[in-house]
Amino acid sequence: MELKLDLRLSQKLVMTPQLQQAIKLLQLSRLELQQVLAQHLLDNPLLEEVEEEEEEEEEEEEQENEGDRGETEEFSEPLSPEGWEDYYESDWRPGDGYDPASLHDDFPSYDQTLTKPTTLADHLLWQLRLSSEDDEDKAVGVMLIGNIDEDGYLRTSIEEIAKESHVSVKKVDSVLSLIQTFDPIGVGARDLQECLLIQLRYLLKTPLGSDYAHDGISQESLLELIINNHLHDLQKKRLTVIAKAVGYGVEKIGEAVRIIESLEPKPGRPYSSDDNQIIVPDVFVLKEEGTWQVVLNDDGMHRVRIKPYYKRMLGETSGNGDSVRAYLEEKLRGAQWIIRSLDQRNRTIRKVVESLITFQEPFLEKGIQYLKPLVLKQVAEDVGMHESTISRVTTNKYMYCPQGTLELKFFFNAGIQGSEPGTEHVSSLTVREFIREMVGKENSRKPLKDQEIVLRLRRARGIVIARRTVAKYRADLNIAPASQRKRIY
């Protein structure tokens, strides 16, 4: 075998650490990007944050230097602290309630004035302290309240509580009965049936509840009978089955069901701790003078630049050792990379949003019913990028537009074929909106079944869709089946 050297040229993509970091930077959310920039400002001494006021001053200075070369200007001296106080006090008007001495008062900070919402556990513990003086009862009560979930239900057995508290089951049951008298009514129940019965007994003790009695079996007994034995039939709105089982007419059963439906299945709901998260859009899209304008939201973002001092230091040929210069050059490359990556990220987001506007302009103008089906490939081909890049750009990014603040992923959705050949596909989100409108306008005594929605979509909208797809979309919209939406009374 003959040995020889052979030279070949080839191209391949190498994922360098810098490229990997640039890709990671592209898919970061706004909050994550702020944290990354803050960390770079700490780690890289060549980077500094530029305040907005400083940028404006530099721009004004550059404009003055360009427009007034060779001219000298006289500027008044800045106000001293004493002069500023004199100016501020001279603006006081009678009736403003201004008190000079109040300037020196110590006011609480903003954080100290914030209020913490009362949780369900806090509310129950407050009532427990007022309702019992027995230390053992309080200890058992604290254990019970700690095992009540956010819906207001006790999620452990009294036997287990008794074992953990080293008391008898009878003692735990007694304390639980006390807690079940607390506000909100129904709290501490172990299942839906017990929760409804607790509320029912409280309701019938009120003056309003006295109006529910009638001849024959008492209303209380009838309601308890339905709750104890016919909750499943009640959920399915099978009132005729309940009426036949208890020996009453559908009208009286309907009256009893109306009372039961007025009860709260989740008594802890008013104390839910779900906080609404404020979404800050990454980009604003507004129409001005007939043209869509794309404005990146840089409010609150770190503006970084390379410190002029280190620029001058690197420009000096003497006075710096080799190790110092190597260190500064390494940090300079890192600083240049982060600045270029930020610029590339902003330009990429802008290009993708402009492409979305091109595809979804009818939606921006008219609303959800005009949203078009769209996939990543279409936008990728439009902007000349890879689909994976489009996916990273649209992840955790939000856009403010005339239709609200929406995630960029919102604009990508599947299409459903129209009934006529050659007709345009309809967005799945648009179909969901059609279903929501139909259910909202239906007759509550005769709600639309899924198959009826299928037929209406075909006839009225020209949309071909399967019944199981309607059921899926209805579930996504948190719309109950027709049997549960039906109202007899």
Protein backbone atom coordinates (compact mmCIF):
# COMPACT_ATOMS: atom_id res chain seq x y z
CA MET A 1 0.00 0.00 0.00
CA GLU A 2 1.35 3.36 -1.03
CA LEU A 3 1.29 6.18 1.52
CA LYS A 4 0.73 9.73 0.29
CA LEU A 5 -0.51 13.11 1.46
CA ASP A 6 -3.71 14.50 -0.01
CA LEU A 7 -4.93 18.08 0.57
CA ARG A 8 -8.67 18.72 0.56
CA LEU A 9 -10.78 21.86 1.14
CA SER A 10 -14.12 21.59 2.91
CA GLN A 11 -16.59 23.83 4.73
CA LYS A 12 -18.31 23.05 7.99
CA LEU A 13 -20.10 24.95 10.71
CA VAL A 14 -18.33 24.91 14.05
CA MET A 15 -20.32 25.89 17.14
CA THR A 16 -17.79 28.08 18.89
CA PRO A 17 -18.48 29.19 22.48
CA GLN A 18 -19.18 32.71 21.19
CA LEU A 19 -21.74 31.40 18.68
CA GLN A 20 -23.41 29.25 21.32
CA GLN A 21 -23.69 32.24 23.63
CA ALA A 22 -25.09 34.41 20.81
CA ILE A 23 -27.80 31.81 20.10
CA LYS A 24 -28.61 31.60 23.79
CA LEU A 25 -28.83 35.40 23.99
CA LEU A 26 -31.30 35.44 21.11
CA GLN A 27 -33.87 33.26 22.86
CA LEU A 28 -33.71 34.95 26.25
CA SER A 29 -36.79 36.70 27.57
CA ARG A 30 -36.67 40.37 28.51
CA LEU A 31 -36.12 39.67 32.21
CA GLU A 32 -33.48 37.02 31.53
CA LEU A 33 -31.64 39.39 29.18
CA GLN A 34 -31.56 42.09 31.87
CA GLN A 35 -30.03 39.60 34.30
CA VAL A 36 -27.41 38.47 31.77
CA LEU A 37 -26.42 42.07 30.98
CA ALA A 38 -26.19 42.90 34.67
CA GLN A 39 -23.87 39.92 35.15
CA HIS A 40 -21.65 41.01 32.22
CA LEU A 41 -21.41 44.49 33.72
CA LEU A 42 -20.14 42.93 36.93
CA ASP A 43 -17.72 40.50 35.29
CA ASN A 44 -16.22 42.71 32.57
CA PRO A 45 -14.48 45.88 33.79
CA LEU A 46 -14.37 47.28 30.24
CA LEU A 47 -18.18 47.49 30.09
CA GLU A 48 -20.18 50.32 31.62
CA GLU A 49 -23.84 51.22 31.63
CA VAL A 50 -24.88 54.37 29.82
CA GLU A 51 -27.71 56.35 31.38
CA GLU A 52 -30.35 57.78 29.09
CA GLU A 53 -29.63 61.33 30.26
CA GLU A 54 -25.94 60.86 29.46
CA GLU A 55 -26.77 59.66 25.96
CA GLU A 56 -28.97 62.70 25.37
CA GLU A 57 -26.24 65.00 26.66
CA GLU A 58 -23.66 63.41 24.35
CA GLU A 59 -25.98 63.78 21.35
CA GLU A 60 -26.64 67.44 22.18
CA GLU A 61 -22.93 68.07 22.66
CA GLU A 62 -22.11 66.51 19.31
CA GLN A 63 -24.77 68.61 17.58
CA GLU A 64 -23.45 71.79 19.21
CA ASN A 65 -19.88 70.95 18.29
CA GLU A 66 -20.86 70.37 14.67
CA GLY A 67 -23.06 73.46 14.35
CA ASP A 68 -21.02 75.96 16.33
CA ARG A 69 -17.40 75.20 15.49
CA GLY A 70 -15.12 78.07 16.46
CA GLU A 71 -17.87 79.91 18.35
CA THR A 72 -17.70 80.40 22.10
CA GLU A 73 -20.77 80.24 24.25
CA GLU A 74 -21.33 81.55 27.72
CA PHE A 75 -23.21 79.31 30.11
CA SER A 76 -24.67 80.34 33.41
CA GLU A 77 -23.28 78.66 36.50
CA PRO A 78 -25.29 75.71 37.82
CA LEU A 79 -27.52 76.33 40.78
CA SER A 80 -26.05 75.55 44.17
CA PRO A 81 -28.04 73.39 46.58
CA GLU A 82 -29.04 76.54 48.47
CA GLY A 83 -30.12 78.23 45.26
CA TRP A 84 -32.20 75.22 44.27
CA GLU A 85 -34.01 75.24 47.61
CA ASP A 86 -34.74 78.95 47.17
CA TYR A 87 -36.14 78.27 43.72
CA TYR A 88 -38.22 75.34 44.94
CA GLU A 89 -39.67 77.26 47.86
CA SER A 90 -40.52 80.26 45.67
CA ASP A 91 -42.90 78.04 43.69
CA TRP A 92 -45.10 77.45 46.74
CA ARG A 93 -48.69 78.70 46.47
CA PRO A 94 -51.16 79.34 49.28
CA GLY A 95 -53.42 76.38 49.81
CA ASP A 96 -50.87 73.81 48.62
CA GLY A 97 -50.45 72.50 52.16
CA TYR A 98 -46.69 72.90 51.94
CA ASP A 99 -44.75 72.67 55.16
CA PRO A 100 -40.97 73.32 54.92
CA ALA A 101 -40.41 71.30 58.06
CA SER A 102 -41.92 68.24 56.40
CA LEU A 103 -38.91 68.02 54.07
CA HIS A 104 -36.85 66.69 56.96
CA ASP A 105 -39.38 64.12 58.20
CA ASP A 106 -38.51 60.47 57.85
CA PHE A 107 -41.10 58.86 55.63
CA PRO A 108 -41.43 55.08 55.24
CA SER A 109 -40.03 53.66 52.04
CA TYR A 110 -42.29 52.45 49.24
CA ASP A 111 -41.61 48.80 50.13
CA GLN A 112 -42.73 49.44 53.70
CA THR A 113 -46.10 50.77 52.52
CA LEU A 114 -46.94 47.70 50.43
CA THR A 115 -49.68 45.47 51.80
CA LYS A 116 -49.61 41.70 51.73
CA PRO A 117 -52.88 40.02 50.71
CA THR A 118 -54.50 37.92 53.41
CA THR A 119 -54.22 34.21 52.68
CA LEU A 120 -56.85 31.64 53.53
CA ALA A 121 -54.59 30.15 56.23
CA ASP A 122 -54.04 33.58 57.83
CA HIS A 123 -57.78 34.24 57.84
CA LEU A 124 -58.54 30.88 59.47
CA LEU A 125 -55.76 31.20 62.07
CA TRP A 126 -57.08 34.64 63.05
CA GLN A 127 -60.54 33.14 63.65
CA LEU A 128 -59.05 30.20 65.54
CA ARG A 129 -57.30 32.53 68.00
CA LEU A 130 -60.60 34.30 68.66
CA SER A 131 -62.68 31.12 68.95
CA SER A 132 -60.72 29.00 71.41
CA GLU A 133 -58.63 29.56 74.52
CA ASP A 134 -57.57 25.94 74.89
CA ASP A 135 -53.92 25.48 73.89
CA GLU A 136 -54.45 21.88 72.79
CA ASP A 137 -57.38 22.87 70.58
CA LYS A 138 -55.27 25.66 69.05
CA ALA A 139 -52.41 23.25 68.34
CA VAL A 140 -54.75 20.78 66.64
CA GLY A 141 -56.43 23.65 64.77
CA VAL A 142 -53.10 24.90 63.45
CA MET A 143 -52.33 21.38 62.21
CA LEU A 144 -55.71 21.12 60.49
CA ILE A 145 -55.47 24.57 58.89
CA GLY A 146 -52.01 23.74 57.60
CA ASN A 147 -53.53 20.81 55.68
CA ILE A 148 -56.34 22.84 54.07
CA ASP A 149 -55.59 23.57 50.42
CA GLU A 150 -56.22 26.81 48.52
CA ASP A 151 -59.71 25.63 47.52
CA GLY A 152 -60.66 25.27 51.19
CA TYR A 153 -60.66 21.45 51.44
CA LEU A 154 -58.95 19.33 54.11
CA ARG A 155 -56.56 17.08 52.20
CA THR A 156 -55.61 14.62 54.93
CA SER A 157 -57.49 12.30 57.26
CA ILE A 158 -58.36 13.17 60.84
CA GLU A 159 -56.68 9.92 61.90
CA GLU A 160 -53.38 11.13 60.51
CA ILE A 161 -53.82 14.53 62.18
CA ALA A 162 -54.56 12.78 65.48
CA LYS A 163 -51.40 10.69 65.14
CA GLU A 164 -49.23 13.71 64.36
CA SER A 165 -50.77 15.81 67.15
CA HIS A 166 -50.76 12.98 69.74
CA VAL A 167 -54.44 13.47 70.54
CA SER A 168 -57.59 11.39 70.10
CA VAL A 169 -59.57 11.23 66.87
CA LYS A 170 -62.55 12.60 68.78
CA LYS A 171 -60.56 15.72 69.70
CA VAL A 172 -59.52 16.32 66.09
CA ASP A 173 -63.08 15.83 64.89
CA SER A 174 -64.29 18.35 67.47
CA VAL A 175 -61.77 21.00 66.38
CA LEU A 176 -62.57 20.33 62.72
CA SER A 177 -66.26 20.94 63.44
CA LEU A 178 -65.25 24.29 64.96
CA ILE A 179 -63.19 25.24 61.89
CA GLN A 180 -66.11 24.32 59.64
CA THR A 181 -68.08 27.15 61.24
CA PHE A 182 -65.46 29.70 60.17
CA ASP A 183 -65.65 32.09 57.29
CA PRO A 184 -65.73 31.28 54.38
CA ILE A 185 -68.61 28.89 54.92
CA GLY A 186 -67.77 25.42 53.66
CA VAL A 187 -64.10 25.56 54.53
CA GLY A 188 -62.55 22.45 56.09
CA ALA A 189 -64.78 20.02 54.17
CA ARG A 190 -63.24 16.76 53.04
CA ASP A 191 -65.16 16.50 49.75
CA LEU A 192 -67.63 18.42 47.62
CA GLN A 193 -70.62 16.72 49.21
CA GLU A 194 -69.63 17.78 52.74
CA CYS A 195 -68.77 21.30 51.51
CA LEU A 196 -72.24 21.80 50.00
CA LEU A 197 -73.99 20.38 53.07
CA ILE A 198 -72.12 22.78 55.40
CA GLN A 199 -73.15 25.75 53.26
CA LEU A 200 -76.70 24.46 52.94
CA ARG A 201 -77.21 24.16 56.71
CA TYR A 202 -75.87 27.67 57.20
CA LEU A 203 -78.08 29.02 54.40
CA LEU A 204 -81.25 27.51 55.79
CA LYS A 205 -80.59 29.13 59.19
CA THR A 206 -80.71 32.60 57.63
CA PRO A 207 -83.96 34.57 57.11
CA LEU A 208 -83.56 33.97 53.37
CA GLY A 209 -83.41 30.24 53.96
CA SER A 210 -86.78 30.23 55.77
CA ASP A 211 -88.47 30.96 52.44
CA TYR A 212 -87.41 27.60 51.05
CA ALA A 213 -89.75 25.41 53.16
CA HIS A 214 -92.85 23.90 51.54
CA ASP A 215 -95.44 21.23 52.16
CA GLY A 216 -94.53 17.59 52.40
CA ILE A 217 -90.83 16.87 52.66
CA SER A 218 -88.92 19.90 53.93
CA GLN A 219 -86.78 21.79 51.48
CA GLU A 220 -83.77 21.07 53.68
CA SER A 221 -84.40 17.34 53.47
CA LEU A 222 -84.96 17.51 49.73
CA LEU A 223 -81.74 19.45 49.18
CA GLU A 224 -79.76 17.08 51.41
CA LEU A 225 -81.28 14.13 49.57
CA ILE A 226 -80.17 15.49 46.21
CA ILE A 227 -76.67 16.34 47.46
CA ASN A 228 -76.18 12.99 49.19
CA ASN A 229 -77.55 10.72 46.46
CA HIS A 230 -77.81 12.55 43.14
CA LEU A 231 -74.76 14.78 42.68
CA HIS A 232 -73.78 12.87 39.55
CA ASP A 233 -77.25 13.29 38.04
CA LEU A 234 -77.17 16.94 39.03
CA GLN A 235 -73.88 17.44 37.19
CA LYS A 236 -75.41 15.90 34.04
CA LYS A 237 -78.57 18.02 34.46
CA ARG A 238 -80.71 14.88 34.57
CA LEU A 239 -83.53 16.51 36.52
CA THR A 240 -86.17 14.06 35.35
CA VAL A 241 -84.12 11.19 36.80
CA ILE A 242 -83.86 13.02 40.16
CA ALA A 243 -87.57 13.90 40.11
CA LYS A 244 -88.54 10.28 39.51
CA ALA A 245 -86.21 9.05 42.27
CA VAL A 246 -87.46 11.45 44.97
CA GLY A 247 -91.12 11.52 43.86
CA TYR A 248 -91.38 15.24 43.08
CA GLY A 249 -92.15 17.23 39.96
CA VAL A 250 -89.41 18.62 37.75
CA GLU A 251 -90.44 22.16 38.70
CA LYS A 252 -89.73 21.62 42.41
CA ILE A 253 -86.51 19.78 41.60
CA GLY A 254 -85.50 22.72 39.43
CA GLU A 255 -86.07 25.11 42.33
CA ALA A 256 -83.92 22.92 44.61
CA VAL A 257 -81.18 22.70 41.97
CA ARG A 258 -81.19 26.50 41.64
CA ILE A 259 -80.42 26.74 45.37
CA ILE A 260 -77.64 24.14 45.17
CA GLU A 261 -76.04 25.90 42.19
CA SER A 262 -75.88 29.12 44.22
CA LEU A 263 -73.47 27.42 46.66
CA GLU A 264 -69.68 27.78 46.29
CA PRO A 265 -67.87 24.54 45.36
CA LYS A 266 -64.50 26.14 46.19
CA PRO A 267 -64.93 28.21 49.37
CA GLY A 268 -61.26 29.23 49.39
CA ARG A 269 -61.54 30.92 45.98
CA PRO A 270 -61.78 34.53 47.37
CA TYR A 271 -58.40 34.03 49.06
CA SER A 272 -56.66 32.57 46.03
CA SER A 273 -53.03 33.65 45.93
CA ASP A 274 -52.74 33.66 42.13
CA ASP A 275 -50.96 36.91 41.24
CA ASN A 276 -51.38 38.52 37.86
CA GLN A 277 -47.96 38.83 36.30
CA ILE A 278 -47.30 42.07 34.49
CA ILE A 279 -46.03 41.46 30.96
CA VAL A 280 -43.72 44.09 29.52
CA PRO A 281 -43.77 43.96 25.71
CA ASP A 282 -40.48 43.61 23.86
CA VAL A 283 -41.74 45.51 20.84
CA PHE A 284 -44.51 47.99 20.03
CA VAL A 285 -46.43 47.87 16.73
CA LEU A 286 -48.59 50.90 15.94
CA LYS A 287 -49.98 52.38 12.77
CA GLU A 288 -49.06 55.98 12.06
CA GLU A 289 -50.17 57.80 8.92
CA GLY A 290 -51.10 54.54 7.22
CA THR A 291 -47.79 52.81 7.92
CA TRP A 292 -47.04 50.19 10.54
CA GLN A 293 -44.22 51.27 12.84
CA VAL A 294 -42.07 48.77 14.76
CA VAL A 295 -40.45 50.19 17.90
CA LEU A 296 -38.26 48.06 20.15
CA ASN A 297 -38.89 48.60 23.84
CA ASP A 298 -35.53 49.45 25.41
CA ASP A 299 -37.07 51.06 28.49
CA GLY A 300 -35.39 49.63 31.58
CA MET A 301 -32.80 47.68 29.56
CA HIS A 302 -29.11 48.11 30.30
CA ARG A 303 -27.33 50.22 27.66
CA VAL A 304 -23.71 49.14 27.60
CA ARG A 305 -20.55 50.51 26.00
CA ILE A 306 -16.79 50.13 26.33
CA LYS A 307 -15.27 52.54 28.84
CA PRO A 308 -13.25 55.29 27.12
CA TYR A 309 -10.51 54.97 29.75
CA TYR A 310 -9.69 51.41 28.70
CA LYS A 311 -9.85 52.37 25.03
CA ARG A 312 -7.08 54.90 25.65
CA MET A 313 -5.14 52.41 27.74
CA LEU A 314 -5.20 49.82 24.96
CA GLY A 315 -4.12 52.50 22.47
CA GLU A 316 -1.00 53.26 24.44
CA THR A 317 1.99 51.27 23.31
CA SER A 318 3.99 51.67 26.50
CA GLY A 319 3.31 51.55 30.19
CA ASN A 320 1.34 48.29 30.13
CA GLY A 321 2.81 44.87 30.80
CA ASP A 322 2.15 41.93 28.49
CA SER A 323 -0.11 40.22 31.03
CA VAL A 324 -2.17 43.38 31.57
CA ARG A 325 -2.52 43.96 27.85
CA ALA A 326 -3.53 40.33 27.23
CA TYR A 327 -6.14 40.57 29.96
CA LEU A 328 -7.57 43.82 28.56
CA GLU A 329 -7.65 42.45 25.01
CA GLU A 330 -9.54 39.36 26.20
CA LYS A 331 -12.07 41.51 28.02
CA LEU A 332 -12.32 43.82 25.02
CA ARG A 333 -13.25 40.90 22.77
CA GLY A 334 -15.92 39.88 25.29
CA ALA A 335 -17.29 43.41 25.45
CA GLN A 336 -17.36 43.75 21.68
CA TRP A 337 -19.12 40.40 21.41
CA ILE A 338 -21.92 41.33 23.83
CA ILE A 339 -22.48 44.70 22.11
CA ARG A 340 -22.59 43.10 18.64
CA SER A 341 -24.86 40.30 19.88
CA LEU A 342 -27.31 42.79 21.37
CA ASP A 343 -27.40 44.72 18.11
CA GLN A 344 -27.91 41.52 16.13
CA ARG A 345 -30.66 40.39 18.50
CA ASN A 346 -32.55 43.68 18.09
CA ARG A 347 -32.23 43.63 14.30
CA THR A 348 -33.43 40.02 14.14
CA ILE A 349 -36.46 40.71 16.33
CA ARG A 350 -37.34 43.72 14.20
CA LYS A 351 -37.12 41.71 10.95
CA VAL A 352 -39.30 38.90 12.34
CA VAL A 353 -41.96 41.32 13.64
CA GLU A 354 -42.04 43.15 10.30
CA SER A 355 -42.60 39.80 8.60
CA LEU A 356 -45.43 38.96 11.02
CA ILE A 357 -47.06 42.28 10.16
CA THR A 358 -46.89 41.38 6.47
CA PHE A 359 -48.63 38.04 7.04
CA GLN A 360 -51.11 39.09 9.75
CA GLU A 361 -52.03 42.66 8.82
CA PRO A 362 -55.79 41.82 8.53
CA PHE A 363 -55.71 40.55 12.11
CA LEU A 364 -54.01 43.72 13.35
CA GLU A 365 -56.62 45.80 11.54
CA LYS A 366 -59.84 43.86 12.25
CA GLY A 367 -59.36 41.26 15.02
CA ILE A 368 -59.19 37.55 15.80
CA GLN A 369 -61.61 36.45 13.08
CA TYR A 370 -59.08 37.57 10.45
CA LEU A 371 -56.09 35.73 11.89
CA LYS A 372 -54.45 33.64 9.16
CA PRO A 373 -52.82 30.23 9.54
CA LEU A 374 -49.04 30.63 9.76
CA VAL A 375 -46.04 28.35 10.30
CA LEU A 376 -42.42 29.08 11.14
CA LYS A 377 -41.25 28.05 7.68
CA GLN A 378 -43.18 30.88 5.99
CA VAL A 379 -41.57 33.56 8.15
CA ALA A 380 -38.15 31.89 7.88
CA GLU A 381 -38.32 32.01 4.08
CA ASP A 382 -39.55 35.60 4.15
CA VAL A 383 -36.65 36.90 6.28
CA GLY A 384 -34.01 34.49 4.97
CA MET A 385 -33.32 32.69 8.24
CA HIS A 386 -33.58 29.16 9.57
CA GLU A 387 -36.78 27.95 11.25
CA SER A 388 -34.89 27.29 14.49
CA THR A 389 -33.82 30.95 14.57
CA ILE A 390 -37.45 32.09 14.15
CA SER A 391 -38.45 29.74 16.95
CA ARG A 392 -35.83 31.22 19.28
CA VAL A 393 -36.78 34.79 18.39
CA THR A 394 -40.48 34.22 19.10
CA THR A 395 -39.95 32.37 22.40
CA ASN A 396 -40.93 34.41 25.46
CA LYS A 397 -41.20 37.62 23.41
CA TYR A 398 -44.29 39.82 23.54
CA MET A 399 -45.65 42.41 21.15
CA TYR A 400 -48.02 45.26 21.90
CA CYS A 401 -50.40 45.93 19.00
CA PRO A 402 -53.96 47.26 18.48
CA GLN A 403 -55.32 43.83 19.48
CA GLY A 404 -53.51 43.81 22.84
CA THR A 405 -50.25 42.43 24.23
CA LEU A 406 -49.62 39.05 22.59
CA GLU A 407 -46.80 36.54 22.59
CA LEU A 408 -45.11 36.26 19.21
CA LYS A 409 -45.91 32.54 19.26
CA PHE A 410 -49.60 33.52 19.16
CA PHE A 411 -49.34 34.39 15.47
CA PHE A 412 -48.31 30.83 14.53
CA ASN A 413 -51.22 28.40 14.38
CA ALA A 414 -52.56 25.54 12.31
CA GLY A 415 -55.03 25.97 9.47
CA ILE A 416 -58.36 24.26 8.88
CA GLN A 417 -59.54 23.56 5.33
CA GLY A 418 -62.64 25.30 4.05
CA SER A 419 -65.61 23.32 2.73
CA GLU A 420 -65.19 24.52 -0.87
CA PRO A 421 -62.17 23.49 -2.98
CA GLY A 422 -59.67 26.29 -3.38
CA THR A 423 -60.90 28.26 -0.36
CA GLU A 424 -58.35 29.63 2.11
CA HIS A 425 -57.53 27.78 5.28
CA VAL A 426 -58.94 29.21 8.50
CA SER A 427 -56.84 29.67 11.64
CA SER A 428 -57.55 27.27 14.49
CA LEU A 429 -57.68 30.26 16.86
CA THR A 430 -60.36 31.83 14.67
CA VAL A 431 -62.39 28.61 14.82
CA ARG A 432 -62.12 28.67 18.61
CA GLU A 433 -63.48 32.21 18.59
CA PHE A 434 -66.42 31.14 16.38
CA ILE A 435 -67.22 28.33 18.84
CA ARG A 436 -67.06 30.72 21.79
CA GLU A 437 -69.46 33.11 20.07
CA MET A 438 -71.92 30.32 19.21
CA VAL A 439 -72.02 29.03 22.77
CA GLY A 440 -72.41 32.57 24.11
CA LYS A 441 -75.52 33.14 21.97
CA GLU A 442 -77.12 29.70 22.42
CA ASN A 443 -80.45 28.99 24.12
CA SER A 444 -79.58 27.86 27.66
CA ARG A 445 -82.61 25.58 27.69
CA LYS A 446 -81.38 23.85 24.55
CA PRO A 447 -77.58 24.23 24.39
CA LEU A 448 -75.67 23.34 21.25
CA LYS A 449 -74.16 19.88 21.10
CA ASP A 450 -70.77 19.38 19.51
CA GLN A 451 -72.26 17.87 16.35
CA GLU A 452 -74.60 20.84 15.99
CA ILE A 453 -71.60 23.19 16.22
CA VAL A 454 -69.92 21.15 13.46
CA LEU A 455 -72.93 21.62 11.18
CA ARG A 456 -73.24 25.35 11.93
CA LEU A 457 -69.56 25.94 11.22
CA ARG A 458 -69.94 24.18 7.88
CA ARG A 459 -73.12 26.03 6.86
CA ALA A 460 -72.38 29.52 8.21
CA ARG A 461 -68.59 29.71 7.91
CA GLY A 462 -67.70 27.08 5.34
CA ILE A 463 -65.38 25.35 7.82
CA VAL A 464 -64.96 21.57 7.75
CA ILE A 465 -64.09 20.23 11.18
CA ALA A 466 -64.58 16.95 13.05
CA ARG A 467 -66.75 16.63 16.14
CA ARG A 468 -63.82 15.49 18.28
CA THR A 469 -61.92 18.62 17.21
CA VAL A 470 -64.84 20.77 18.35
CA ALA A 471 -64.82 18.93 21.67
CA LYS A 472 -61.08 19.60 22.02
CA TYR A 473 -61.42 23.31 21.21
CA ARG A 474 -64.39 23.62 23.56
CA ALA A 475 -62.35 22.08 26.38
CA ASP A 476 -59.49 24.49 25.62
CA LEU A 477 -61.97 27.36 26.07
CA ASN A 478 -63.16 25.90 29.42
CA ILE A 479 -66.67 25.43 28.02
CA ALA A 480 -68.63 22.58 29.61
CA PRO A 481 -70.45 19.96 27.51
CA ALA A 482 -74.03 20.67 26.43
CA SER A 483 -75.45 18.44 29.17
CA GLN A 484 -73.79 20.58 31.85
CA ARG A 485 -74.74 23.92 30.23
CA LYS A 486 -78.42 23.08 30.08
CA ARG A 487 -80.84 25.14 32.21
CA ILE A 488 -84.32 23.78 32.95
CA TYR A 489 -85.65 26.80 34.82
